[in-house]
Amino acid sequence: MKRIACCFFAWCLLWGSLAISQEIDTLWLTLSRQTPETVTVCWLTDAAGSSTVRFGENVRTDATPCTLHQVEIPMPPRDGAFTYQVETQTADGVLRSQPHTLSGLPGDALRVVFLGNLHGKSLPPTIAAARPHLLVSCGDNVPCLHEKGLTKQQAAENLKPFARLVKNNADLFATTLFLSALGNHDREITPRGKRVPGPSLHYDPEATAFCRFFPLPGKRWCWTVAFPEFSLRLVGLDLNHVSDRGTSLETCHGWDSASEQFVWYQKVMENATEQTIVTIQNEAYPTVRKLAGGLWKPLLQKNDFFVAGFGHYAERTFLDGTTYFNTSTYGRGDRYPYANNAFFASADNFLLLVVGKDASSTARLMRLEDGLPLESPTNH
């Protein structure tokens, strides 16, 4: 009898330790404010529970039960770092992540990697080797939101595709700040069908799941973040498949002169004083220049760099004082070269922007497979 009791006690201890040792493995970092004084730590759990982040000697906790956890903590000091770990107390036990290192912004040069067409895949080691302080997606983070058995409404709220992207790049997303513009695939709730007049049937123009998963500043579907120490401003727009506006294939928010997006972008660009301004979006640059009868064109000309994830290729064009890039981690698809292209290549690629503390900036398209330059740098 004593032996049975001892075995039962040992089993209880083992079961308790297993419950406590369950690991949180879907963890990502982003910015929720328009300047980077804080970092928002995000994670998912299957069971609802509290949200706790332990960082350095500090703790931040939100006791409200949830499965999508988002906790703001201070940005580490410049050129500094601290170890952080997240924890969720559920009815069945405590869930924890592995400890991760979060670095503060650099004192010398800010390194930003722009990515297009991630489609949920694992990124090669060349991205981490580029030593980015910030990852910025130009949209199409996932292939789609629809999955077998889901209604349209369920697909519009489906976070699983974004979670798979994070899991496929677990170390990178747990240690590097991530911002993203929207693409059409980020809100695709049924397979793309035929285009007919009427309301959208195949997309969620409001991007419900994306906006829940990524607590970006402001409206979330469009946002701006400034880095005053580097005189850098990033702006994310929601422009994709604009030719489908007003049809069953409509994907993005409006862009006409009276639209919420245009009025907001106009105000952002008029008030921007940074020496380097970069807009990120998912539509071809010649199309955006012509929107609203050409009213977008002068706003685009206020940018130093305008970065798209529209096509599956690498592209650079210089027009009216602005350098236009297209970048894609899958860069060997259909080609849409334009007469003004200064560089065009069918190659898997990413864009690396380096901004110095003197606000000097250099942007260059890099080959994804080995991290080597595809072209000469563009300086501003």
Protein backbone atom coordinates (compact mmCIF):
# COMPACT_ATOMS: atom_id res chain seq x y z
CA MET A 1 0.00 0.00 0.00
CA LYS A 2 2.85 2.33 0.91
CA ARG A 3 4.50 1.60 -2.45
CA ILE A 4 1.28 2.42 -4.32
CA ALA A 5 0.95 5.70 -2.38
CA CYS A 6 4.56 6.64 -3.17
CA CYS A 7 4.05 5.89 -6.87
CA PHE A 8 0.87 7.96 -6.89
CA PHE A 9 2.66 10.85 -5.17
CA ALA A 10 5.52 10.68 -7.69
CA TRP A 11 3.04 10.65 -10.58
CA CYS A 12 1.32 13.72 -9.17
CA LEU A 13 4.64 15.54 -8.93
CA LEU A 14 5.52 14.57 -12.49
CA TRP A 15 2.12 15.66 -13.80
CA GLY A 16 2.38 18.97 -11.95
CA SER A 17 5.86 19.64 -13.32
CA LEU A 18 4.67 18.85 -16.86
CA ALA A 19 1.77 21.27 -16.47
CA ILE A 20 4.11 23.98 -15.28
CA SER A 21 6.74 23.33 -17.92
CA GLN A 22 4.46 23.71 -20.96
CA GLU A 23 6.12 26.18 -23.27
CA ILE A 24 4.78 29.25 -25.05
CA ASP A 25 6.27 29.13 -28.53
CA THR A 26 4.22 31.70 -30.48
CA LEU A 27 5.81 34.97 -29.43
CA TRP A 28 6.40 38.21 -31.34
CA LEU A 29 7.43 41.81 -30.72
CA THR A 30 6.04 44.99 -32.22
CA LEU A 31 5.54 48.71 -31.65
CA SER A 32 2.12 50.05 -30.61
CA ARG A 33 3.07 53.71 -30.30
CA GLN A 34 4.23 56.28 -32.83
CA THR A 35 7.64 56.55 -31.16
CA PRO A 36 9.57 53.58 -29.76
CA GLU A 37 9.64 54.25 -26.02
CA THR A 38 7.95 50.91 -25.46
CA VAL A 39 7.80 47.43 -27.01
CA THR A 40 4.60 45.38 -27.16
CA VAL A 41 5.25 41.73 -26.36
CA CYS A 42 2.62 39.42 -27.90
CA TRP A 43 1.93 35.71 -27.55
CA LEU A 44 -0.80 33.10 -28.02
CA THR A 45 -2.03 30.36 -25.69
CA ASP A 46 -4.67 27.67 -26.28
CA ALA A 47 -6.25 28.22 -22.86
CA ALA A 48 -7.24 31.63 -21.52
CA GLY A 49 -5.18 33.05 -18.70
CA SER A 50 -3.30 36.05 -17.35
CA SER A 51 -0.50 37.90 -19.17
CA THR A 52 2.85 38.43 -17.46
CA VAL A 53 6.18 39.63 -18.85
CA ARG A 54 9.28 39.37 -16.65
CA PHE A 55 12.11 41.56 -17.93
CA GLY A 56 15.32 42.31 -16.07
CA GLU A 57 14.23 42.82 -12.46
CA ASN A 58 10.75 44.02 -13.47
CA VAL A 59 7.32 42.47 -14.02
CA ARG A 60 4.27 43.63 -15.95
CA THR A 61 1.00 41.70 -15.48
CA ASP A 62 -2.52 41.91 -16.84
CA ALA A 63 -4.84 39.57 -14.94
CA THR A 64 -7.63 39.71 -17.56
CA PRO A 65 -8.01 36.16 -18.99
CA CYS A 66 -7.29 35.97 -22.72
CA THR A 67 -5.62 33.76 -25.34
CA LEU A 68 -4.10 36.60 -27.38
CA HIS A 69 -1.72 38.38 -25.01
CA GLN A 70 -0.30 41.87 -25.62
CA VAL A 71 1.75 43.59 -22.91
CA GLU A 72 3.72 46.82 -23.27
CA ILE A 73 7.11 47.06 -21.60
CA PRO A 74 9.78 49.78 -21.75
CA MET A 75 12.28 49.69 -24.60
CA PRO A 76 15.71 48.59 -23.34
CA PRO A 77 18.29 51.38 -23.05
CA ARG A 78 20.20 52.46 -26.13
CA ASP A 79 22.91 49.94 -26.98
CA GLY A 80 21.65 47.88 -24.04
CA ALA A 81 19.58 44.71 -23.67
CA PHE A 82 17.69 42.63 -21.15
CA THR A 83 16.38 39.10 -20.91
CA TYR A 84 12.60 38.69 -20.90
CA GLN A 85 10.20 35.80 -20.45
CA VAL A 86 6.42 35.62 -20.77
CA GLU A 87 4.09 33.65 -18.53
CA THR A 88 0.39 32.80 -18.47
CA GLN A 89 -1.47 31.39 -15.47
CA THR A 90 -4.35 29.19 -16.67
CA ALA A 91 -6.79 26.97 -14.80
CA ASP A 92 -4.57 23.99 -15.63
CA GLY A 93 -1.20 25.44 -14.69
CA VAL A 94 1.45 27.95 -15.65
CA LEU A 95 2.69 28.35 -19.22
CA ARG A 96 6.06 29.96 -19.87
CA SER A 97 8.27 30.84 -22.80
CA GLN A 98 11.97 30.29 -23.00
CA PRO A 99 14.02 33.36 -21.95
CA HIS A 100 14.79 35.66 -24.87
CA THR A 101 17.05 38.67 -25.32
CA LEU A 102 15.55 42.01 -26.32
CA SER A 103 18.00 44.68 -27.45
CA GLY A 104 17.48 48.41 -27.35
CA LEU A 105 17.93 50.67 -30.35
CA PRO A 106 21.54 51.16 -31.46
CA GLY A 107 23.61 54.25 -30.84
CA ASP A 108 25.32 54.35 -34.23
CA ALA A 109 23.15 53.02 -37.10
CA LEU A 110 19.62 51.60 -37.32
CA ARG A 111 19.31 48.56 -39.58
CA VAL A 112 15.87 47.90 -41.12
CA VAL A 113 15.04 44.86 -43.28
CA PHE A 114 12.02 45.12 -45.60
CA LEU A 115 10.37 41.88 -46.73
CA GLY A 116 7.65 41.17 -49.27
CA ASN A 117 5.50 38.09 -49.88
CA LEU A 118 6.42 36.11 -46.78
CA HIS A 119 3.43 33.78 -47.27
CA GLY A 120 4.01 32.16 -43.87
CA LYS A 121 7.30 30.51 -44.78
CA SER A 122 10.51 30.11 -42.79
CA LEU A 123 13.13 32.74 -43.55
CA PRO A 124 16.72 31.70 -44.23
CA PRO A 125 19.60 32.58 -41.86
CA THR A 126 20.59 35.48 -44.13
CA ILE A 127 17.88 37.65 -42.54
CA ALA A 128 19.28 37.24 -39.02
CA ALA A 129 22.80 37.62 -40.46
CA ALA A 130 21.81 41.08 -41.74
CA ARG A 131 21.54 42.06 -38.03
CA PRO A 132 18.22 43.92 -38.32
CA HIS A 133 16.93 45.99 -35.44
CA LEU A 134 13.56 46.11 -37.19
CA LEU A 135 11.73 43.84 -39.66
CA VAL A 136 9.14 45.53 -41.87
CA SER A 137 6.78 43.52 -44.07
CA CYS A 138 5.31 45.01 -47.24
CA GLY A 139 2.27 42.74 -46.99
CA ASP A 140 1.13 39.23 -47.89
CA ASN A 141 2.49 37.76 -44.68
CA VAL A 142 0.32 34.64 -45.10
CA PRO A 143 -1.13 32.73 -48.08
CA CYS A 144 -4.76 33.24 -46.99
CA LEU A 145 -7.11 33.08 -43.98
CA HIS A 146 -9.59 30.50 -45.27
CA GLU A 147 -9.23 26.90 -44.14
CA LYS A 148 -11.41 23.83 -44.48
CA GLY A 149 -14.55 24.02 -42.37
CA LEU A 150 -14.42 27.76 -41.64
CA THR A 151 -17.25 30.14 -42.45
CA LYS A 152 -16.37 33.53 -43.96
CA GLN A 153 -16.76 35.18 -40.56
CA GLN A 154 -14.55 32.58 -38.91
CA ALA A 155 -11.92 33.02 -41.63
CA ALA A 156 -11.98 36.80 -41.13
CA GLU A 157 -11.10 36.21 -37.46
CA ASN A 158 -8.61 33.39 -38.09
CA LEU A 159 -5.27 34.09 -36.38
CA LYS A 160 -3.73 30.69 -37.10
CA PRO A 161 -1.99 31.61 -40.40
CA PHE A 162 -0.21 34.51 -38.68
CA ALA A 163 0.68 32.24 -35.77
CA ARG A 164 2.26 29.76 -38.18
CA LEU A 165 4.41 32.53 -39.65
CA VAL A 166 5.65 33.38 -36.17
CA LYS A 167 6.29 29.73 -35.25
CA ASN A 168 8.20 29.20 -38.48
CA ASN A 169 10.52 32.04 -37.48
CA ALA A 170 10.36 31.68 -33.70
CA ASP A 171 13.81 32.98 -32.71
CA LEU A 172 13.66 35.91 -35.13
CA PHE A 173 10.20 37.10 -34.08
CA ALA A 174 10.99 36.70 -30.36
CA THR A 175 14.03 38.97 -30.57
CA THR A 176 13.36 41.45 -33.40
CA LEU A 177 10.72 44.18 -33.67
CA PHE A 178 8.20 43.55 -36.46
CA LEU A 179 5.95 46.00 -38.33
CA SER A 180 3.78 45.24 -41.36
CA ALA A 181 1.70 46.83 -44.09
CA LEU A 182 -1.28 44.91 -45.45
CA GLY A 183 -1.53 42.76 -48.57
CA ASN A 184 -4.59 41.16 -50.13
CA HIS A 185 -3.61 37.66 -48.94
CA ASP A 186 -3.60 38.92 -45.33
CA ARG A 187 -7.42 39.20 -45.52
CA GLU A 188 -8.41 36.56 -48.10
CA ILE A 189 -11.40 34.73 -46.58
CA THR A 190 -12.42 32.56 -49.58
CA PRO A 191 -10.57 31.47 -52.71
CA ARG A 192 -10.40 34.36 -55.18
CA GLY A 193 -13.36 34.11 -57.57
CA LYS A 194 -14.61 36.01 -60.60
CA ARG A 195 -14.87 39.79 -60.46
CA VAL A 196 -18.43 41.09 -60.50
CA PRO A 197 -19.85 44.46 -59.37
CA GLY A 198 -20.90 44.75 -55.76
CA PRO A 199 -19.50 44.35 -52.24
CA SER A 200 -16.43 42.26 -51.52
CA LEU A 201 -17.16 38.53 -51.39
CA HIS A 202 -13.68 37.05 -51.07
CA TYR A 203 -11.79 39.44 -48.78
CA ASP A 204 -12.20 41.14 -45.43
CA PRO A 205 -11.41 44.79 -46.29
CA GLU A 206 -11.33 45.67 -42.58
CA ALA A 207 -8.50 43.13 -42.04
CA THR A 208 -9.99 41.96 -38.73
CA ALA A 209 -7.50 39.18 -37.97
CA PHE A 210 -4.45 41.21 -39.01
CA CYS A 211 -5.47 44.15 -36.84
CA ARG A 212 -6.01 41.88 -33.82
CA PHE A 213 -2.75 40.02 -34.26
CA PHE A 214 -0.54 43.09 -34.83
CA PRO A 215 -1.34 45.91 -32.35
CA LEU A 216 0.24 48.58 -34.57
CA PRO A 217 -0.14 52.30 -33.82
CA GLY A 218 -3.29 54.22 -34.65
CA LYS A 219 -5.72 52.49 -36.98
CA ARG A 220 -3.44 49.42 -37.27
CA TRP A 221 -4.38 48.92 -40.96
CA CYS A 222 -2.43 52.10 -41.61
CA TRP A 223 0.18 53.45 -39.20
CA THR A 224 3.26 55.60 -38.75
CA VAL A 225 6.27 55.26 -36.46
CA ALA A 226 9.07 57.83 -36.05
CA PHE A 227 12.60 57.21 -34.77
CA PRO A 228 13.65 60.74 -33.70
CA GLU A 229 17.27 59.82 -32.90
CA PHE A 230 17.77 58.82 -36.54
CA SER A 231 15.38 61.36 -38.08
CA LEU A 232 13.52 58.44 -39.66
CA ARG A 233 9.78 58.02 -40.24
CA LEU A 234 8.09 54.83 -41.46
CA VAL A 235 4.53 54.88 -42.82
CA GLY A 236 2.42 51.81 -43.57
CA LEU A 237 -0.48 52.06 -46.06
CA ASP A 238 -3.30 49.71 -47.05
CA LEU A 239 -3.12 49.68 -50.85
CA ASN A 240 -3.44 46.45 -52.83
CA HIS A 241 -5.39 45.36 -55.92
CA VAL A 242 -6.85 48.86 -56.20
CA SER A 243 -8.32 48.05 -59.64
CA ASP A 244 -10.81 45.77 -57.83
CA ARG A 245 -12.33 48.61 -55.85
CA GLY A 246 -16.15 48.43 -55.91
CA THR A 247 -16.25 44.78 -56.95
CA SER A 248 -16.53 41.34 -55.35
CA LEU A 249 -12.69 41.25 -55.25
CA GLU A 250 -12.25 44.50 -53.31
CA THR A 251 -9.50 44.09 -50.71
CA CYS A 252 -8.24 47.36 -49.26
CA HIS A 253 -9.55 50.51 -47.63
CA GLY A 254 -10.53 53.44 -49.83
CA TRP A 255 -7.96 55.72 -51.47
CA ASP A 256 -9.97 58.50 -53.16
CA SER A 257 -9.43 62.12 -52.15
CA ALA A 258 -12.20 62.05 -49.51
CA SER A 259 -11.21 58.67 -48.05
CA GLU A 260 -10.05 58.23 -44.48
CA GLN A 261 -6.75 56.80 -45.71
CA PHE A 262 -5.90 59.61 -48.13
CA VAL A 263 -6.80 62.36 -45.65
CA TRP A 264 -4.72 60.65 -42.96
CA TYR A 265 -1.70 60.10 -45.24
CA GLN A 266 -1.85 63.68 -46.49
CA LYS A 267 -1.72 64.97 -42.92
CA VAL A 268 1.14 62.62 -41.97
CA MET A 269 3.24 63.66 -44.96
CA GLU A 270 2.53 67.38 -44.55
CA ASN A 271 3.62 67.27 -40.90
CA ALA A 272 6.62 64.96 -41.36
CA THR A 273 9.96 66.71 -40.75
CA GLU A 274 12.31 63.72 -40.67
CA GLN A 275 15.26 63.60 -43.03
CA THR A 276 14.43 60.04 -44.12
CA ILE A 277 10.81 59.10 -44.84
CA VAL A 278 9.82 55.63 -46.03
CA THR A 279 6.32 54.50 -47.02
CA ILE A 280 5.54 50.77 -47.19
CA GLN A 281 2.61 49.23 -49.07
CA ASN A 282 1.57 46.43 -51.44
CA GLU A 283 0.63 48.04 -54.76
CA ALA A 284 2.75 48.84 -57.86
CA TYR A 285 4.23 52.34 -57.61
CA PRO A 286 3.05 53.58 -61.07
CA THR A 287 -0.52 52.69 -60.05
CA VAL A 288 -0.28 54.54 -56.73
CA ARG A 289 1.12 57.66 -58.42
CA LYS A 290 -2.06 57.85 -60.53
CA LEU A 291 -4.61 57.27 -57.76
CA ALA A 292 -7.32 59.89 -57.15
CA GLY A 293 -6.53 61.59 -60.44
CA GLY A 294 -2.86 61.96 -59.53
CA LEU A 295 -3.39 63.46 -56.06
CA TRP A 296 -1.22 60.75 -54.47
CA LYS A 297 1.78 61.61 -56.63
CA PRO A 298 2.97 64.74 -54.73
CA LEU A 299 2.60 62.85 -51.44
CA LEU A 300 4.78 60.04 -52.75
CA GLN A 301 7.38 62.59 -53.81
CA LYS A 302 7.84 63.58 -50.15
CA ASN A 303 9.32 60.13 -49.49
CA ASP A 304 12.98 59.29 -49.77
CA PHE A 305 12.04 55.63 -50.33
CA PHE A 306 8.73 54.08 -51.35
CA VAL A 307 8.78 50.29 -50.82
CA ALA A 308 6.28 47.83 -52.29
CA GLY A 309 5.73 44.10 -51.97
CA PHE A 310 3.61 44.07 -55.12
CA GLY A 311 5.46 41.76 -57.51
CA HIS A 312 7.66 38.70 -57.27
CA TYR A 313 10.89 40.42 -58.30
CA ALA A 314 13.51 42.96 -57.21
CA GLU A 315 13.11 46.47 -58.57
CA ARG A 316 14.53 49.97 -58.13
CA THR A 317 13.38 53.14 -59.88
CA PHE A 318 14.23 56.82 -59.27
CA LEU A 319 11.55 59.39 -60.14
CA ASP A 320 11.02 63.00 -59.03
CA GLY A 321 13.42 62.73 -56.09
CA THR A 322 12.02 59.44 -54.69
CA THR A 323 13.52 55.98 -54.97
CA TYR A 324 10.90 53.27 -55.53
CA PHE A 325 11.67 49.67 -54.56
CA ASN A 326 9.85 46.39 -54.96
CA THR A 327 11.03 43.54 -52.75
CA SER A 328 9.91 39.93 -52.48
CA THR A 329 11.25 36.89 -50.63
CA TYR A 330 9.79 34.95 -53.56
CA GLY A 331 11.25 36.89 -56.47
CA ARG A 332 10.87 34.56 -59.44
CA GLY A 333 7.29 35.11 -60.53
CA ASP A 334 5.62 37.18 -63.22
CA ARG A 335 7.69 40.15 -64.36
CA TYR A 336 6.23 43.68 -64.59
CA PRO A 337 9.18 45.91 -65.55
CA TYR A 338 8.59 49.61 -66.21
CA ALA A 339 10.34 51.93 -68.64
CA ASN A 340 11.93 53.92 -65.82
CA ASN A 341 13.49 50.95 -64.00
CA ALA A 342 17.10 51.53 -62.95
CA PHE A 343 17.37 47.93 -61.74
CA PHE A 344 15.19 44.86 -62.24
CA ALA A 345 15.92 41.20 -61.45
CA SER A 346 14.05 37.94 -60.99
CA ALA A 347 15.62 36.95 -57.67
CA ASP A 348 14.50 36.13 -54.14
CA ASN A 349 15.46 39.26 -52.22
CA PHE A 350 15.08 41.63 -49.31
CA LEU A 351 15.79 45.34 -48.90
CA LEU A 352 18.29 46.54 -46.30
CA LEU A 353 18.08 50.15 -45.10
CA VAL A 354 20.80 51.53 -42.83
CA VAL A 355 20.20 54.93 -41.21
CA GLY A 356 23.10 56.55 -39.35
CA LYS A 357 22.90 58.74 -36.28
CA ASP A 358 23.71 61.66 -38.62
CA ALA A 359 20.48 60.72 -40.52
CA SER A 360 22.42 59.59 -43.58
CA SER A 361 20.70 56.58 -45.17
CA THR A 362 21.66 53.78 -47.54
CA ALA A 363 19.24 51.28 -49.10
CA ARG A 364 20.20 48.21 -51.09
CA LEU A 365 18.43 45.16 -52.51
CA MET A 366 20.05 41.97 -51.19
CA ARG A 367 19.90 38.39 -52.43
CA LEU A 368 17.92 36.23 -50.02
CA GLU A 369 19.90 33.01 -50.47
CA ASP A 370 23.30 34.37 -49.44
CA GLY A 371 22.70 37.94 -48.20
CA LEU A 372 24.98 39.46 -50.86
CA PRO A 373 24.08 42.72 -52.65
CA LEU A 374 22.05 42.50 -55.84
CA GLU A 375 22.95 46.07 -56.84
CA SER A 376 24.84 49.19 -55.86
CA PRO A 377 23.61 51.08 -52.76
CA THR A 378 21.23 54.03 -52.99
CA ASN A 379 22.27 56.88 -50.69
CA HIS A 380 20.25 59.78 -49.31
